[in-house]
Amino acid sequence: MVEFTQGIFTAAKNVYKSNKGSILRTIVYTIGHFAIAIIVLMSIADVSFSVALTDAIVEPLANAVWYFLLDKFWASKVSKS
């Protein structure tokens, strides 16, 4: 079991190292999206804080995955100088 756990941490560390820029941008984007979604939902849709919070967490997490994939695709297509 220890080897399995170490393997997971090693794999995660390698993924982080090779995708550090995309992961950090994704995290910043996601945090901002949480705040924006709560404010917009409470202001425009007139929903309770708990409903806005739930939507603000679930929907941006799906968007974060989408953004990460998009960013990886985009970065692979842009020539590096």
C-alpha atoms as a PDB file:
ATOM      1  CA  MET A   1       0.000   0.000   0.000  1.00  0.00           C
ATOM      2  CA  VAL A   2       2.885   2.378   0.744  1.00  0.00           C
ATOM      3  CA  GLU A   3       4.286   1.922  -2.782  1.00  0.00           C
ATOM      4  CA  PHE A   4       0.854   2.676  -4.241  1.00  0.00           C
ATOM      5  CA  THR A   5       0.532   5.855  -2.169  1.00  0.00           C
ATOM      6  CA  GLN A   6       4.035   6.985  -3.069  1.00  0.00           C
ATOM      7  CA  GLY A   7       3.271   6.292  -6.720  1.00  0.00           C
ATOM      8  CA  ILE A   8       0.176   8.484  -6.571  1.00  0.00           C
ATOM      9  CA  PHE A   9       2.112  11.348  -4.979  1.00  0.00           C
ATOM     10  CA  THR A  10       4.939  10.974  -7.488  1.00  0.00           C
ATOM     11  CA  ALA A  11       2.485  10.969 -10.399  1.00  0.00           C
ATOM     12  CA  ALA A  12       0.656  14.025  -8.995  1.00  0.00           C
ATOM     13  CA  LYS A  13       3.964  15.832  -8.535  1.00  0.00           C
ATOM     14  CA  ASN A  14       4.962  15.072 -12.135  1.00  0.00           C
ATOM     15  CA  VAL A  15       1.595  16.267 -13.455  1.00  0.00           C
ATOM     16  CA  TYR A  16       1.939  19.480 -11.423  1.00  0.00           C
ATOM     17  CA  LYS A  17       5.504  20.117 -12.629  1.00  0.00           C
ATOM     18  CA  SER A  18       4.617  19.648 -16.282  1.00  0.00           C
ATOM     19  CA  ASN A  19       1.392  21.707 -16.044  1.00  0.00           C
ATOM     20  CA  LYS A  20       2.228  24.278 -13.359  1.00  0.00           C
ATOM     21  CA  GLY A  21       1.237  27.374 -15.374  1.00  0.00           C
ATOM     22  CA  SER A  22      -2.066  25.912 -16.539  1.00  0.00           C
ATOM     23  CA  ILE A  23      -2.956  24.616 -13.087  1.00  0.00           C
ATOM     24  CA  LEU A  24      -2.237  27.953 -11.363  1.00  0.00           C
ATOM     25  CA  ARG A  25      -4.232  29.929 -13.962  1.00  0.00           C
ATOM     26  CA  THR A  26      -7.067  27.440 -13.604  1.00  0.00           C
ATOM     27  CA  ILE A  27      -7.144  27.853  -9.814  1.00  0.00           C
ATOM     28  CA  VAL A  28      -7.176  31.677 -10.018  1.00  0.00           C
ATOM     29  CA  TYR A  29      -9.917  31.573 -12.680  1.00  0.00           C
ATOM     30  CA  THR A  30     -12.005  29.169 -10.585  1.00  0.00           C
ATOM     31  CA  ILE A  31     -11.793  31.256  -7.399  1.00  0.00           C
ATOM     32  CA  GLY A  32     -12.816  34.373  -9.304  1.00  0.00           C
ATOM     33  CA  HIS A  33     -15.659  32.466 -10.917  1.00  0.00           C
ATOM     34  CA  PHE A  34     -16.987  31.389  -7.483  1.00  0.00           C
ATOM     35  CA  ALA A  35     -17.216  35.002  -6.330  1.00  0.00           C
ATOM     36  CA  ILE A  36     -18.705  36.313  -9.570  1.00  0.00           C
ATOM     37  CA  ALA A  37     -21.313  33.541  -9.745  1.00  0.00           C
ATOM     38  CA  ILE A  38     -22.505  34.162  -6.186  1.00  0.00           C
ATOM     39  CA  ILE A  39     -22.825  37.912  -6.723  1.00  0.00           C
ATOM     40  CA  VAL A  40     -24.609  37.557 -10.071  1.00  0.00           C
ATOM     41  CA  LEU A  41     -27.035  34.878  -8.912  1.00  0.00           C
ATOM     42  CA  MET A  42     -27.974  36.726  -5.750  1.00  0.00           C
ATOM     43  CA  SER A  43     -28.386  40.015  -7.638  1.00  0.00           C
ATOM     44  CA  ILE A  44     -30.104  38.935 -10.833  1.00  0.00           C
ATOM     45  CA  ALA A  45     -31.861  35.670 -10.026  1.00  0.00           C
ATOM     46  CA  ASP A  46     -32.734  36.704  -6.473  1.00  0.00           C
ATOM     47  CA  VAL A  47     -31.803  33.318  -5.009  1.00  0.00           C
ATOM     48  CA  SER A  48     -30.678  32.576  -1.487  1.00  0.00           C
ATOM     49  CA  PHE A  49     -27.003  32.547  -0.566  1.00  0.00           C
ATOM     50  CA  SER A  50     -26.999  28.740  -0.138  1.00  0.00           C
ATOM     51  CA  VAL A  51     -28.443  28.183  -3.623  1.00  0.00           C
ATOM     52  CA  ALA A  52     -26.010  30.699  -5.130  1.00  0.00           C
ATOM     53  CA  LEU A  53     -23.104  29.094  -3.266  1.00  0.00           C
ATOM     54  CA  THR A  54     -24.029  25.604  -4.470  1.00  0.00           C
ATOM     55  CA  ASP A  55     -24.279  26.732  -8.083  1.00  0.00           C
ATOM     56  CA  ALA A  56     -21.160  28.857  -7.719  1.00  0.00           C
ATOM     57  CA  ILE A  57     -19.156  25.810  -6.671  1.00  0.00           C
ATOM     58  CA  VAL A  58     -20.540  23.096  -8.961  1.00  0.00           C
ATOM     59  CA  GLU A  59     -20.666  25.022 -12.220  1.00  0.00           C
ATOM     60  CA  PRO A  60     -17.152  26.571 -12.003  1.00  0.00           C
ATOM     61  CA  LEU A  61     -15.611  23.208 -11.182  1.00  0.00           C
ATOM     62  CA  ALA A  62     -16.980  21.908 -14.464  1.00  0.00           C
ATOM     63  CA  ASN A  63     -15.711  25.076 -16.167  1.00  0.00           C
ATOM     64  CA  ALA A  64     -12.298  24.640 -14.526  1.00  0.00           C
ATOM     65  CA  VAL A  65     -11.898  21.229 -16.129  1.00  0.00           C
ATOM     66  CA  TRP A  66     -12.998  22.690 -19.470  1.00  0.00           C
ATOM     67  CA  TYR A  67     -10.587  25.635 -19.129  1.00  0.00           C
ATOM     68  CA  PHE A  68      -7.657  23.381 -18.237  1.00  0.00           C
ATOM     69  CA  LEU A  69      -8.276  21.215 -21.306  1.00  0.00           C
ATOM     70  CA  LEU A  70      -8.725  24.284 -23.502  1.00  0.00           C
ATOM     71  CA  ASP A  71      -5.545  25.885 -22.146  1.00  0.00           C
ATOM     72  CA  LYS A  72      -3.528  22.717 -22.746  1.00  0.00           C
ATOM     73  CA  PHE A  73      -4.848  22.477 -26.316  1.00  0.00           C
ATOM     74  CA  TRP A  74      -4.221  26.179 -26.951  1.00  0.00           C
ATOM     75  CA  ALA A  75      -0.695  26.064 -25.554  1.00  0.00           C
ATOM     76  CA  SER A  76       0.111  23.063 -27.726  1.00  0.00           C
ATOM     77  CA  LYS A  77      -0.938  24.975 -30.865  1.00  0.00           C
ATOM     78  CA  VAL A  78       0.833  28.290 -30.151  1.00  0.00           C
ATOM     79  CA  SER A  79       4.426  28.343 -31.337  1.00  0.00           C
ATOM     80  CA  LYS A  80       6.917  28.866 -28.565  1.00  0.00           C
ATOM     81  CA  SER A  81       9.536  31.538 -29.223  1.00  0.00           C
END
